[in-house]
PDB file of N, CA and C in Angstrom:
ATOM      1  N   MET A   1     -43.154  15.981 -39.909  1.00  0.00           N
ATOM      2  CA  MET A   1     -42.007  15.283 -40.432  1.00  0.00           C
ATOM      3  C   MET A   1     -42.529  14.146 -41.317  1.00  0.00           C
ATOM      4  N   THR A   2     -41.893  13.971 -42.405  1.00  0.00           N
ATOM      5  CA  THR A   2     -42.345  12.929 -43.331  1.00  0.00           C
ATOM      6  C   THR A   2     -41.868  11.581 -42.842  1.00  0.00           C
ATOM      7  N   MET A   3     -42.509  10.558 -43.362  1.00  0.00           N
ATOM      8  CA  MET A   3     -42.185   9.186 -42.972  1.00  0.00           C
ATOM      9  C   MET A   3     -40.734   8.853 -43.320  1.00  0.00           C
ATOM     10  N   GLN A   4     -40.247   9.344 -44.446  1.00  0.00           N
ATOM     11  CA  GLN A   4     -38.879   9.051 -44.883  1.00  0.00           C
ATOM     12  C   GLN A   4     -37.874   9.711 -43.935  1.00  0.00           C
ATOM     13  N   LYS A   5     -38.139  10.956 -43.539  1.00  0.00           N
ATOM     14  CA  LYS A   5     -37.244  11.649 -42.612  1.00  0.00           C
ATOM     15  C   LYS A   5     -37.256  10.976 -41.245  1.00  0.00           C
ATOM     16  N   SER A   6     -38.427  10.505 -40.840  1.00  0.00           N
ATOM     17  CA  SER A   6     -38.544   9.816 -39.561  1.00  0.00           C
ATOM     18  C   SER A   6     -37.730   8.530 -39.554  1.00  0.00           C
ATOM     19  N   LYS A   7     -37.778   7.761 -40.645  1.00  0.00           N
ATOM     20  CA  LYS A   7     -36.997   6.530 -40.746  1.00  0.00           C
ATOM     21  C   LYS A   7     -35.504   6.844 -40.734  1.00  0.00           C
ATOM     22  N   LEU A   8     -35.130   7.905 -41.453  1.00  0.00           N
ATOM     23  CA  LEU A   8     -33.732   8.309 -41.492  1.00  0.00           C
ATOM     24  C   LEU A   8     -33.246   8.713 -40.097  1.00  0.00           C
ATOM     25  N   LEU A   9     -34.058   9.485 -39.389  1.00  0.00           N
ATOM     26  CA  LEU A   9     -33.707   9.912 -38.035  1.00  0.00           C
ATOM     27  C   LEU A   9     -33.590   8.706 -37.103  1.00  0.00           C
ATOM     28  N   ASN A  10     -34.517   7.764 -37.189  1.00  0.00           N
ATOM     29  CA  ASN A  10     -34.454   6.547 -36.376  1.00  0.00           C
ATOM     30  C   ASN A  10     -33.203   5.731 -36.687  1.00  0.00           C
ATOM     31  N   SER A  11     -32.858   5.667 -37.959  1.00  0.00           N
ATOM     32  CA  SER A  11     -31.651   4.929 -38.361  1.00  0.00           C
ATOM     33  C   SER A  11     -30.407   5.593 -37.789  1.00  0.00           C
ATOM     34  N   LEU A  12     -30.345   6.918 -37.841  1.00  0.00           N
ATOM     35  CA  LEU A  12     -29.186   7.643 -37.305  1.00  0.00           C
ATOM     36  C   LEU A  12     -29.069   7.459 -35.792  1.00  0.00           C
ATOM     37  N   VAL A  13     -30.185   7.495 -35.102  1.00  0.00           N
ATOM     38  CA  VAL A  13     -30.182   7.289 -33.654  1.00  0.00           C
ATOM     39  C   VAL A  13     -29.710   5.872 -33.329  1.00  0.00           C
ATOM     40  N   ALA A  14     -30.183   4.898 -34.087  1.00  0.00           N
ATOM     41  CA  ALA A  14     -29.779   3.509 -33.870  1.00  0.00           C
ATOM     42  C   ALA A  14     -28.284   3.335 -34.107  1.00  0.00           C
ATOM     43  N   ILE A  15     -27.769   3.957 -35.163  1.00  0.00           N
ATOM     44  CA  ILE A  15     -26.327   3.868 -35.459  1.00  0.00           C
ATOM     45  C   ILE A  15     -25.523   4.496 -34.326  1.00  0.00           C
ATOM     46  N   ALA A  16     -25.975   5.653 -33.840  1.00  0.00           N
ATOM     47  CA  ALA A  16     -25.260   6.325 -32.752  1.00  0.00           C
ATOM     48  C   ALA A  16     -25.249   5.459 -31.501  1.00  0.00           C
ATOM     49  N   LEU A  17     -26.369   4.845 -31.192  1.00  0.00           N
ATOM     50  CA  LEU A  17     -26.443   3.988 -30.004  1.00  0.00           C
ATOM     51  C   LEU A  17     -25.554   2.759 -30.153  1.00  0.00           C
ATOM     52  N   LEU A  18     -25.585   2.149 -31.322  1.00  0.00           N
ATOM     53  CA  LEU A  18     -24.767   0.957 -31.544  1.00  0.00           C
ATOM     54  C   LEU A  18     -23.278   1.274 -31.514  1.00  0.00           C
ATOM     55  N   SER A  19     -22.884   2.410 -32.079  1.00  0.00           N
ATOM     56  CA  SER A  19     -21.464   2.758 -32.072  1.00  0.00           C
ATOM     57  C   SER A  19     -21.010   3.073 -30.647  1.00  0.00           C
ATOM     58  N   GLY A  20     -21.888   3.694 -29.866  1.00  0.00           N
ATOM     59  CA  GLY A  20     -21.553   3.951 -28.462  1.00  0.00           C
ATOM     60  C   GLY A  20     -21.396   2.666 -27.689  1.00  0.00           C
ATOM     61  N   ALA A  21     -22.259   1.689 -27.949  1.00  0.00           N
ATOM     62  CA  ALA A  21     -22.182   0.394 -27.264  1.00  0.00           C
ATOM     63  C   ALA A  21     -20.919  -0.342 -27.640  1.00  0.00           C
ATOM     64  N   SER A  22     -20.534  -0.286 -28.917  1.00  0.00           N
ATOM     65  CA  SER A  22     -19.317  -0.994 -29.328  1.00  0.00           C
ATOM     66  C   SER A  22     -18.080  -0.313 -28.756  1.00  0.00           C
ATOM     67  N   MET A  23     -18.120   1.009 -28.650  1.00  0.00           N
ATOM     68  CA  MET A  23     -16.985   1.716 -28.046  1.00  0.00           C
ATOM     69  C   MET A  23     -16.877   1.353 -26.566  1.00  0.00           C
ATOM     70  N   SER A  24     -18.020   1.262 -25.883  1.00  0.00           N
ATOM     71  CA  SER A  24     -18.004   0.891 -24.469  1.00  0.00           C
ATOM     72  C   SER A  24     -17.444  -0.509 -24.292  1.00  0.00           C
ATOM     73  N   ALA A  25     -17.838  -1.420 -25.171  1.00  0.00           N
ATOM     74  CA  ALA A  25     -17.335  -2.787 -25.101  1.00  0.00           C
ATOM     75  C   ALA A  25     -15.835  -2.815 -25.347  1.00  0.00           C
ATOM     76  N   SER A  26     -15.381  -1.984 -26.268  1.00  0.00           N
ATOM     77  CA  SER A  26     -13.947  -1.920 -26.573  1.00  0.00           C
ATOM     78  C   SER A  26     -13.170  -1.404 -25.370  1.00  0.00           C
ATOM     79  N   TYR A  27     -13.677  -0.342 -24.739  1.00  0.00           N
ATOM     80  CA  TYR A  27     -13.013   0.190 -23.549  1.00  0.00           C
ATOM     81  C   TYR A  27     -13.035  -0.808 -22.403  1.00  0.00           C
ATOM     82  N   ALA A  28     -14.137  -1.528 -22.256  1.00  0.00           N
ATOM     83  CA  ALA A  28     -14.235  -2.530 -21.194  1.00  0.00           C
ATOM     84  C   ALA A  28     -13.232  -3.642 -21.412  1.00  0.00           C
ATOM     85  N   ALA A  29     -13.045  -4.052 -22.664  1.00  0.00           N
ATOM     86  CA  ALA A  29     -12.070  -5.105 -22.969  1.00  0.00           C
ATOM     87  C   ALA A  29     -10.658  -4.638 -22.652  1.00  0.00           C
ATOM     88  N   GLU A  30     -10.365  -3.375 -22.973  1.00  0.00           N
ATOM     89  CA  GLU A  30      -9.039  -2.841 -22.670  1.00  0.00           C
ATOM     90  C   GLU A  30      -8.825  -2.758 -21.163  1.00  0.00           C
ATOM     91  N   ALA A  31      -9.845  -2.356 -20.434  1.00  0.00           N
ATOM     92  CA  ALA A  31      -9.726  -2.222 -18.984  1.00  0.00           C
ATOM     93  C   ALA A  31      -9.554  -3.578 -18.320  1.00  0.00           C
ATOM     94  N   ALA A  32     -10.145  -4.620 -18.917  1.00  0.00           N
ATOM     95  CA  ALA A  32     -10.047  -5.960 -18.334  1.00  0.00           C
ATOM     96  C   ALA A  32      -8.681  -6.585 -18.563  1.00  0.00           C
ATOM     97  N   THR A  33      -7.942  -6.095 -19.543  1.00  0.00           N
ATOM     98  CA  THR A  33      -6.608  -6.620 -19.834  1.00  0.00           C
ATOM     99  C   THR A  33      -5.620  -5.943 -18.902  1.00  0.00           C
ATOM    100  N   PRO A  34      -4.929  -6.694 -18.035  1.00  0.00           N
ATOM    101  CA  PRO A  34      -3.998  -6.063 -17.112  1.00  0.00           C
ATOM    102  C   PRO A  34      -2.810  -5.465 -17.854  1.00  0.00           C
ATOM    103  N   ALA A  35      -2.455  -4.290 -17.434  1.00  0.00           N
ATOM    104  CA  ALA A  35      -1.302  -3.628 -18.029  1.00  0.00           C
ATOM    105  C   ALA A  35      -0.033  -4.234 -17.463  1.00  0.00           C
ATOM    106  N   ALA A  36       0.991  -4.261 -18.265  1.00  0.00           N
ATOM    107  CA  ALA A  36       2.284  -4.773 -17.796  1.00  0.00           C
ATOM    108  C   ALA A  36       2.850  -3.787 -16.789  1.00  0.00           C
ATOM    109  N   PRO A  37       3.392  -4.261 -15.675  1.00  0.00           N
ATOM    110  CA  PRO A  37       3.949  -3.341 -14.690  1.00  0.00           C
ATOM    111  C   PRO A  37       5.150  -2.597 -15.260  1.00  0.00           C
ATOM    112  N   ALA A  38       5.329  -1.408 -14.779  1.00  0.00           N
ATOM    113  CA  ALA A  38       6.453  -0.600 -15.232  1.00  0.00           C
ATOM    114  C   ALA A  38       7.768  -1.266 -14.843  1.00  0.00           C
ATOM    115  N   GLN A  39       8.759  -1.086 -15.685  1.00  0.00           N
ATOM    116  CA  GLN A  39      10.045  -1.731 -15.439  1.00  0.00           C
ATOM    117  C   GLN A  39      10.658  -1.242 -14.130  1.00  0.00           C
ATOM    118  N   SER A  40      10.496   0.045 -13.818  1.00  0.00           N
ATOM    119  CA  SER A  40      11.081   0.567 -12.579  1.00  0.00           C
ATOM    120  C   SER A  40      10.431  -0.080 -11.361  1.00  0.00           C
ATOM    121  N   THR A  41       9.137  -0.389 -11.448  1.00  0.00           N
ATOM    122  CA  THR A  41       8.455  -1.062 -10.344  1.00  0.00           C
ATOM    123  C   THR A  41       9.018  -2.461 -10.155  1.00  0.00           C
ATOM    124  N   GLN A  42       9.257  -3.161 -11.255  1.00  0.00           N
ATOM    125  CA  GLN A  42       9.825  -4.501 -11.172  1.00  0.00           C
ATOM    126  C   GLN A  42      11.219  -4.443 -10.569  1.00  0.00           C
ATOM    127  N   LEU A  43      12.005  -3.482 -10.974  1.00  0.00           N
ATOM    128  CA  LEU A  43      13.360  -3.365 -10.431  1.00  0.00           C
ATOM    129  C   LEU A  43      13.315  -3.060  -8.944  1.00  0.00           C
ATOM    130  N   ALA A  44      12.399  -2.172  -8.535  1.00  0.00           N
ATOM    131  CA  ALA A  44      12.299  -1.817  -7.122  1.00  0.00           C
ATOM    132  C   ALA A  44      11.865  -3.022  -6.299  1.00  0.00           C
ATOM    133  N   ALA A  45      10.954  -3.816  -6.835  1.00  0.00           N
ATOM    134  CA  ALA A  45      10.479  -4.986  -6.098  1.00  0.00           C
ATOM    135  C   ALA A  45      11.584  -6.030  -5.961  1.00  0.00           C
ATOM    136  N   ASN A  46      12.447  -6.116  -6.954  1.00  0.00           N
ATOM    137  CA  ASN A  46      13.510  -7.109  -6.921  1.00  0.00           C
ATOM    138  C   ASN A  46      14.704  -6.663  -6.081  1.00  0.00           C
ATOM    139  N   ALA A  47      14.839  -5.375  -5.878  1.00  0.00           N
ATOM    140  CA  ALA A  47      15.969  -4.862  -5.108  1.00  0.00           C
ATOM    141  C   ALA A  47      15.741  -5.143  -3.626  1.00  0.00           C
ATOM    142  N   ALA A  48      16.706  -5.788  -2.993  1.00  0.00           N
ATOM    143  CA  ALA A  48      16.581  -6.113  -1.569  1.00  0.00           C
ATOM    144  C   ALA A  48      16.818  -4.858  -0.737  1.00  0.00           C
ATOM    145  N   VAL A  49      16.022  -4.717   0.302  1.00  0.00           N
ATOM    146  CA  VAL A  49      16.196  -3.607   1.225  1.00  0.00           C
ATOM    147  C   VAL A  49      17.196  -4.072   2.282  1.00  0.00           C
ATOM    148  N   THR A  50      18.216  -3.279   2.523  1.00  0.00           N
ATOM    149  CA  THR A  50      19.251  -3.683   3.477  1.00  0.00           C
ATOM    150  C   THR A  50      18.746  -3.574   4.907  1.00  0.00           C
ATOM    151  N   ASP A  51      19.374  -4.327   5.795  1.00  0.00           N
ATOM    152  CA  ASP A  51      19.025  -4.269   7.209  1.00  0.00           C
ATOM    153  C   ASP A  51      19.250  -2.858   7.758  1.00  0.00           C
ATOM    154  N   GLU A  52      20.300  -2.200   7.285  1.00  0.00           N
ATOM    155  CA  GLU A  52      20.588  -0.839   7.759  1.00  0.00           C
ATOM    156  C   GLU A  52      19.473   0.123   7.346  1.00  0.00           C
ATOM    157  N   ALA A  53      18.968  -0.049   6.121  1.00  0.00           N
ATOM    158  CA  ALA A  53      17.887   0.819   5.647  1.00  0.00           C
ATOM    159  C   ALA A  53      16.605   0.561   6.443  1.00  0.00           C
ATOM    160  N   ILE A  54      16.345  -0.701   6.747  1.00  0.00           N
ATOM    161  CA  ILE A  54      15.160  -1.034   7.553  1.00  0.00           C
ATOM    162  C   ILE A  54      15.287  -0.421   8.943  1.00  0.00           C
ATOM    163  N   THR A  55      16.453  -0.571   9.558  1.00  0.00           N
ATOM    164  CA  THR A  55      16.694  -0.004  10.890  1.00  0.00           C
ATOM    165  C   THR A  55      16.462   1.498  10.880  1.00  0.00           C
ATOM    166  N   SER A  56      17.051   2.159   9.897  1.00  0.00           N
ATOM    167  CA  SER A  56      16.928   3.611   9.793  1.00  0.00           C
ATOM    168  C   SER A  56      15.471   4.028   9.590  1.00  0.00           C
ATOM    169  N   SER A  57      14.767   3.331   8.709  1.00  0.00           N
ATOM    170  CA  SER A  57      13.366   3.672   8.446  1.00  0.00           C
ATOM    171  C   SER A  57      12.476   3.409   9.662  1.00  0.00           C
ATOM    172  N   ALA A  58      12.727   2.307  10.355  1.00  0.00           N
ATOM    173  CA  ALA A  58      11.933   1.978  11.541  1.00  0.00           C
ATOM    174  C   ALA A  58      12.142   3.022  12.633  1.00  0.00           C
ATOM    175  N   LYS A  59      13.395   3.398  12.869  1.00  0.00           N
ATOM    176  CA  LYS A  59      13.684   4.418  13.887  1.00  0.00           C
ATOM    177  C   LYS A  59      13.084   5.762  13.504  1.00  0.00           C
ATOM    178  N   ALA A  60      13.134   6.088  12.218  1.00  0.00           N
ATOM    179  CA  ALA A  60      12.546   7.353  11.754  1.00  0.00           C
ATOM    180  C   ALA A  60      11.028   7.341  11.941  1.00  0.00           C
ATOM    181  N   ALA A  61      10.404   6.207  11.643  1.00  0.00           N
ATOM    182  CA  ALA A  61       8.956   6.099  11.814  1.00  0.00           C
ATOM    183  C   ALA A  61       8.563   6.242  13.277  1.00  0.00           C
ATOM    184  N   LEU A  62       9.316   5.603  14.159  1.00  0.00           N
ATOM    185  CA  LEU A  62       9.031   5.716  15.596  1.00  0.00           C
ATOM    186  C   LEU A  62       9.268   7.148  16.081  1.00  0.00           C
ATOM    187  N   GLY A  63      10.333   7.765  15.606  1.00  0.00           N
ATOM    188  CA  GLY A  63      10.651   9.136  16.003  1.00  0.00           C
ATOM    189  C   GLY A  63       9.643  10.154  15.504  1.00  0.00           C
ATOM    190  N   ALA A  64       8.960   9.831  14.408  1.00  0.00           N
ATOM    191  CA  ALA A  64       7.979  10.759  13.838  1.00  0.00           C
ATOM    192  C   ALA A  64       6.625  10.665  14.527  1.00  0.00           C
ATOM    193  N   ASP A  65       6.420   9.620  15.314  1.00  0.00           N
ATOM    194  CA  ASP A  65       5.148   9.451  16.020  1.00  0.00           C
ATOM    195  C   ASP A  65       5.251  10.121  17.381  1.00  0.00           C
ATOM    196  N   PRO A  66       4.453  11.165  17.627  1.00  0.00           N
ATOM    197  CA  PRO A  66       4.564  11.913  18.886  1.00  0.00           C
ATOM    198  C   PRO A  66       4.362  11.058  20.142  1.00  0.00           C
ATOM    199  N   GLN A  67       3.560  10.009  20.056  1.00  0.00           N
ATOM    200  CA  GLN A  67       3.308   9.173  21.223  1.00  0.00           C
ATOM    201  C   GLN A  67       4.410   8.145  21.456  1.00  0.00           C
ATOM    202  N   LEU A  68       5.210   7.866  20.443  1.00  0.00           N
ATOM    203  CA  LEU A  68       6.222   6.822  20.564  1.00  0.00           C
ATOM    204  C   LEU A  68       7.650   7.350  20.562  1.00  0.00           C
ATOM    205  N   ALA A  69       7.840   8.586  20.161  1.00  0.00           N
ATOM    206  CA  ALA A  69       9.188   9.130  19.951  1.00  0.00           C
ATOM    207  C   ALA A  69      10.065   9.061  21.201  1.00  0.00           C
ATOM    208  N   ALA A  70       9.502   9.280  22.366  1.00  0.00           N
ATOM    209  CA  ALA A  70      10.309   9.336  23.589  1.00  0.00           C
ATOM    210  C   ALA A  70      10.489   7.967  24.255  1.00  0.00           C
ATOM    211  N   LEU A  71       9.884   6.933  23.710  1.00  0.00           N
ATOM    212  CA  LEU A  71       9.977   5.617  24.348  1.00  0.00           C
ATOM    213  C   LEU A  71      11.359   4.994  24.124  1.00  0.00           C
ATOM    214  N   PRO A  72      11.882   4.315  25.160  1.00  0.00           N
ATOM    215  CA  PRO A  72      13.195   3.670  25.028  1.00  0.00           C
ATOM    216  C   PRO A  72      13.076   2.312  24.313  1.00  0.00           C
ATOM    217  N   VAL A  73      12.841   2.382  23.002  1.00  0.00           N
ATOM    218  CA  VAL A  73      12.676   1.162  22.208  1.00  0.00           C
ATOM    219  C   VAL A  73      13.926   0.959  21.369  1.00  0.00           C
ATOM    220  N   SER A  74      14.472  -0.247  21.440  1.00  0.00           N
ATOM    221  CA  SER A  74      15.647  -0.609  20.650  1.00  0.00           C
ATOM    222  C   SER A  74      15.191  -1.397  19.425  1.00  0.00           C
ATOM    223  N   VAL A  75      15.779  -1.086  18.277  1.00  0.00           N
ATOM    224  CA  VAL A  75      15.440  -1.748  17.018  1.00  0.00           C
ATOM    225  C   VAL A  75      16.695  -2.387  16.454  1.00  0.00           C
ATOM    226  N   SER A  76      16.656  -3.697  16.245  1.00  0.00           N
ATOM    227  CA  SER A  76      17.762  -4.359  15.562  1.00  0.00           C
ATOM    228  C   SER A  76      17.180  -5.219  14.448  1.00  0.00           C
ATOM    229  N   VAL A  77      17.933  -5.363  13.365  1.00  0.00           N
ATOM    230  CA  VAL A  77      17.426  -6.067  12.188  1.00  0.00           C
ATOM    231  C   VAL A  77      18.481  -7.050  11.692  1.00  0.00           C
ATOM    232  N   LYS A  78      18.015  -8.257  11.388  1.00  0.00           N
ATOM    233  CA  LYS A  78      18.899  -9.257  10.788  1.00  0.00           C
ATOM    234  C   LYS A  78      18.115  -9.989   9.706  1.00  0.00           C
ATOM    235  N   LYS A  79      18.562  -9.848   8.472  1.00  0.00           N
ATOM    236  CA  LYS A  79      17.926 -10.476   7.307  1.00  0.00           C
ATOM    237  C   LYS A  79      16.450 -10.121   7.200  1.00  0.00           C
ATOM    238  N   GLY A  80      16.125  -8.862   7.472  1.00  0.00           N
ATOM    239  CA  GLY A  80      14.756  -8.394   7.341  1.00  0.00           C
ATOM    240  C   GLY A  80      13.862  -8.673   8.532  1.00  0.00           C
ATOM    241  N   VAL A  81      14.375  -9.385   9.525  1.00  0.00           N
ATOM    242  CA  VAL A  81      13.602  -9.689  10.736  1.00  0.00           C
ATOM    243  C   VAL A  81      13.963  -8.654  11.799  1.00  0.00           C
ATOM    244  N   VAL A  82      12.960  -7.941  12.273  1.00  0.00           N
ATOM    245  CA  VAL A  82      13.178  -6.862  13.246  1.00  0.00           C
ATOM    246  C   VAL A  82      12.933  -7.395  14.650  1.00  0.00           C
ATOM    247  N   LEU A  83      13.877  -7.105  15.546  1.00  0.00           N
ATOM    248  CA  LEU A  83      13.727  -7.426  16.965  1.00  0.00           C
ATOM    249  C   LEU A  83      13.530  -6.115  17.708  1.00  0.00           C
ATOM    250  N   LEU A  84      12.403  -6.013  18.400  1.00  0.00           N
ATOM    251  CA  LEU A  84      12.102  -4.831  19.209  1.00  0.00           C
ATOM    252  C   LEU A  84      12.302  -5.175  20.674  1.00  0.00           C
ATOM    253  N   SER A  85      13.016  -4.317  21.381  1.00  0.00           N
ATOM    254  CA  SER A  85      13.185  -4.509  22.818  1.00  0.00           C
ATOM    255  C   SER A  85      13.109  -3.156  23.502  1.00  0.00           C
ATOM    256  N   GLY A  86      12.874  -3.200  24.816  1.00  0.00           N
ATOM    257  CA  GLY A  86      12.748  -1.967  25.589  1.00  0.00           C
ATOM    258  C   GLY A  86      11.462  -1.971  26.382  1.00  0.00           C
ATOM    259  N   GLU A  87      11.132  -0.801  26.933  1.00  0.00           N
ATOM    260  CA  GLU A  87       9.944  -0.680  27.771  1.00  0.00           C
ATOM    261  C   GLU A  87       8.932   0.261  27.136  1.00  0.00           C
ATOM    262  N   VAL A  88       7.673  -0.113  27.280  1.00  0.00           N
ATOM    263  CA  VAL A  88       6.571   0.724  26.809  1.00  0.00           C
ATOM    264  C   VAL A  88       5.589   0.911  27.961  1.00  0.00           C
ATOM    265  N   PRO A  89       4.840   1.998  27.969  1.00  0.00           N
ATOM    266  CA  PRO A  89       3.939   2.271  29.096  1.00  0.00           C
ATOM    267  C   PRO A  89       2.679   1.406  29.123  1.00  0.00           C
ATOM    268  N   SER A  90       2.316   0.816  27.973  1.00  0.00           N
ATOM    269  CA  SER A  90       1.091   0.009  27.926  1.00  0.00           C
ATOM    270  C   SER A  90       1.182  -1.005  26.790  1.00  0.00           C
ATOM    271  N   ALA A  91       0.319  -1.999  26.864  1.00  0.00           N
ATOM    272  CA  ALA A  91       0.263  -2.992  25.787  1.00  0.00           C
ATOM    273  C   ALA A  91      -0.157  -2.324  24.475  1.00  0.00           C
ATOM    274  N   GLU A  92      -1.043  -1.329  24.567  1.00  0.00           N
ATOM    275  CA  GLU A  92      -1.486  -0.618  23.374  1.00  0.00           C
ATOM    276  C   GLU A  92      -0.326   0.114  22.706  1.00  0.00           C
ATOM    277  N   ALA A  93       0.544   0.728  23.509  1.00  0.00           N
ATOM    278  CA  ALA A  93       1.711   1.418  22.955  1.00  0.00           C
ATOM    279  C   ALA A  93       2.643   0.405  22.288  1.00  0.00           C
ATOM    280  N   GLY A  94       2.805  -0.748  22.900  1.00  0.00           N
ATOM    281  CA  GLY A  94       3.632  -1.798  22.311  1.00  0.00           C
ATOM    282  C   GLY A  94       3.058  -2.286  20.997  1.00  0.00           C
ATOM    283  N   ASP A  95       1.737  -2.445  20.959  1.00  0.00           N
ATOM    284  CA  ASP A  95       1.078  -2.862  19.716  1.00  0.00           C
ATOM    285  C   ASP A  95       1.282  -1.828  18.615  1.00  0.00           C
ATOM    286  N   ARG A  96       1.213  -0.555  18.989  1.00  0.00           N
ATOM    287  CA  ARG A  96       1.411   0.530  18.013  1.00  0.00           C
ATOM    288  C   ARG A  96       2.840   0.499  17.483  1.00  0.00           C
ATOM    289  N   VAL A  97       3.819   0.251  18.334  1.00  0.00           N
ATOM    290  CA  VAL A  97       5.221   0.161  17.897  1.00  0.00           C
ATOM    291  C   VAL A  97       5.360  -0.975  16.885  1.00  0.00           C
ATOM    292  N   VAL A  98       4.818  -2.137  17.221  1.00  0.00           N
ATOM    293  CA  VAL A  98       4.915  -3.305  16.333  1.00  0.00           C
ATOM    294  C   VAL A  98       4.237  -3.008  14.996  1.00  0.00           C
ATOM    295  N   GLN A  99       3.053  -2.426  15.040  1.00  0.00           N
ATOM    296  CA  GLN A  99       2.308  -2.105  13.824  1.00  0.00           C
ATOM    297  C   GLN A  99       3.082  -1.136  12.938  1.00  0.00           C
ATOM    298  N   LEU A 100       3.641  -0.119  13.541  1.00  0.00           N
ATOM    299  CA  LEU A 100       4.381   0.891  12.791  1.00  0.00           C
ATOM    300  C   LEU A 100       5.626   0.297  12.148  1.00  0.00           C
ATOM    301  N   VAL A 101       6.372  -0.487  12.906  1.00  0.00           N
ATOM    302  CA  VAL A 101       7.600  -1.088  12.385  1.00  0.00           C
ATOM    303  C   VAL A 101       7.285  -2.127  11.309  1.00  0.00           C
ATOM    304  N   ALA A 102       6.210  -2.875  11.480  1.00  0.00           N
ATOM    305  CA  ALA A 102       5.834  -3.883  10.485  1.00  0.00           C
ATOM    306  C   ALA A 102       5.489  -3.259   9.136  1.00  0.00           C
ATOM    307  N   SER A 103       5.092  -1.992   9.133  1.00  0.00           N
ATOM    308  CA  SER A 103       4.715  -1.320   7.892  1.00  0.00           C
ATOM    309  C   SER A 103       5.919  -0.786   7.117  1.00  0.00           C
ATOM    310  N   VAL A 104       7.110  -0.889   7.679  1.00  0.00           N
ATOM    311  CA  VAL A 104       8.322  -0.392   7.016  1.00  0.00           C
ATOM    312  C   VAL A 104       8.685  -1.327   5.859  1.00  0.00           C
ATOM    313  N   ALA A 105       9.071  -0.743   4.741  1.00  0.00           N
ATOM    314  CA  ALA A 105       9.449  -1.521   3.558  1.00  0.00           C
ATOM    315  C   ALA A 105      10.619  -2.440   3.874  1.00  0.00           C
ATOM    316  N   GLY A 106      10.502  -3.693   3.452  1.00  0.00           N
ATOM    317  CA  GLY A 106      11.576  -4.661   3.621  1.00  0.00           C
ATOM    318  C   GLY A 106      11.463  -5.526   4.855  1.00  0.00           C
ATOM    319  N   VAL A 107      10.544  -5.166   5.781  1.00  0.00           N
ATOM    320  CA  VAL A 107      10.384  -5.948   7.012  1.00  0.00           C
ATOM    321  C   VAL A 107       9.665  -7.251   6.678  1.00  0.00           C
ATOM    322  N   LYS A 108      10.313  -8.367   7.022  1.00  0.00           N
ATOM    323  CA  LYS A 108       9.723  -9.681   6.775  1.00  0.00           C
ATOM    324  C   LYS A 108       8.955 -10.183   7.991  1.00  0.00           C
ATOM    325  N   GLU A 109       9.451  -9.813   9.165  1.00  0.00           N
ATOM    326  CA  GLU A 109       8.838 -10.285  10.413  1.00  0.00           C
ATOM    327  C   GLU A 109       9.246  -9.332  11.528  1.00  0.00           C
ATOM    328  N   VAL A 110       8.399  -9.222  12.557  1.00  0.00           N
ATOM    329  CA  VAL A 110       8.716  -8.419  13.734  1.00  0.00           C
ATOM    330  C   VAL A 110       8.645  -9.326  14.948  1.00  0.00           C
ATOM    331  N   LYS A 111       9.760  -9.391  15.672  1.00  0.00           N
ATOM    332  CA  LYS A 111       9.788 -10.142  16.933  1.00  0.00           C
ATOM    333  C   LYS A 111       9.679  -9.120  18.057  1.00  0.00           C
ATOM    334  N   ASN A 112       8.657  -9.285  18.860  1.00  0.00           N
ATOM    335  CA  ASN A 112       8.338  -8.312  19.900  1.00  0.00           C
ATOM    336  C   ASN A 112       8.866  -8.790  21.251  1.00  0.00           C
ATOM    337  N   ASP A 113       9.904  -8.120  21.726  1.00  0.00           N
ATOM    338  CA  ASP A 113      10.444  -8.398  23.052  1.00  0.00           C
ATOM    339  C   ASP A 113      10.255  -7.170  23.944  1.00  0.00           C
ATOM    340  N   LEU A 114       9.233  -6.370  23.652  1.00  0.00           N
ATOM    341  CA  LEU A 114       8.951  -5.178  24.450  1.00  0.00           C
ATOM    342  C   LEU A 114       8.312  -5.581  25.763  1.00  0.00           C
ATOM    343  N   LYS A 115       8.649  -4.860  26.821  1.00  0.00           N
ATOM    344  CA  LYS A 115       8.095  -5.112  28.146  1.00  0.00           C
ATOM    345  C   LYS A 115       7.212  -3.931  28.535  1.00  0.00           C
ATOM    346  N   VAL A 116       6.046  -4.248  29.100  1.00  0.00           N
ATOM    347  CA  VAL A 116       5.164  -3.201  29.600  1.00  0.00           C
ATOM    348  C   VAL A 116       5.680  -2.776  30.962  1.00  0.00           C
ATOM    349  N   LYS A 117       5.988  -1.511  31.080  1.00  0.00           N
ATOM    350  CA  LYS A 117       6.528  -0.961  32.327  1.00  0.00           C
ATOM    351  C   LYS A 117       5.430  -0.917  33.382  1.00  0.00           C
ATOM    352  N   ALA A 118       5.728  -1.484  34.549  1.00  0.00           N
ATOM    353  CA  ALA A 118       4.750  -1.481  35.643  1.00  0.00           C
ATOM    354  C   ALA A 118       4.487  -0.066  36.104  1.00  0.00           C
ATOM    355  N   ALA A 119       3.225   0.223  36.374  1.00  0.00           N
ATOM    356  CA  ALA A 119       2.849   1.555  36.853  1.00  0.00           C
ATOM    357  C   ALA A 119       3.418   1.795  38.236  1.00  0.00           C
ATOM    358  N   GLY A 120       3.851   3.000  38.464  1.00  0.00           N
ATOM    359  CA  GLY A 120       4.322   3.322  39.815  1.00  0.00           C
ATOM    360  C   GLY A 120       5.677   3.750  39.853  1.00  0.00           C
TER     361      GLY A 120
END
């Protein structure tokens, strides 16, 4: 290969590398800029979840859990605050009920009035 062709090849390789680096920097800048949230997401976040919807979702979640479905747990909701009452076979089962209900959309707080049923 002649010296002139070698210089030309080196120049082309350098240009390719530099253009790749600038493209990477451009993509990185775009990725660093947070995208505006979708309007439907904003509307959903602003829409209040009703107490009835929370009650229904909490009961459905408990009913869908094979270990909790048969437990006599009462769920009442007022202004997003859930009150749980009833009997559970163990503290672990009570913790699972609280955890599951707390994960329901719209729940602001869970008040646990569950009683561990004495063995026997």
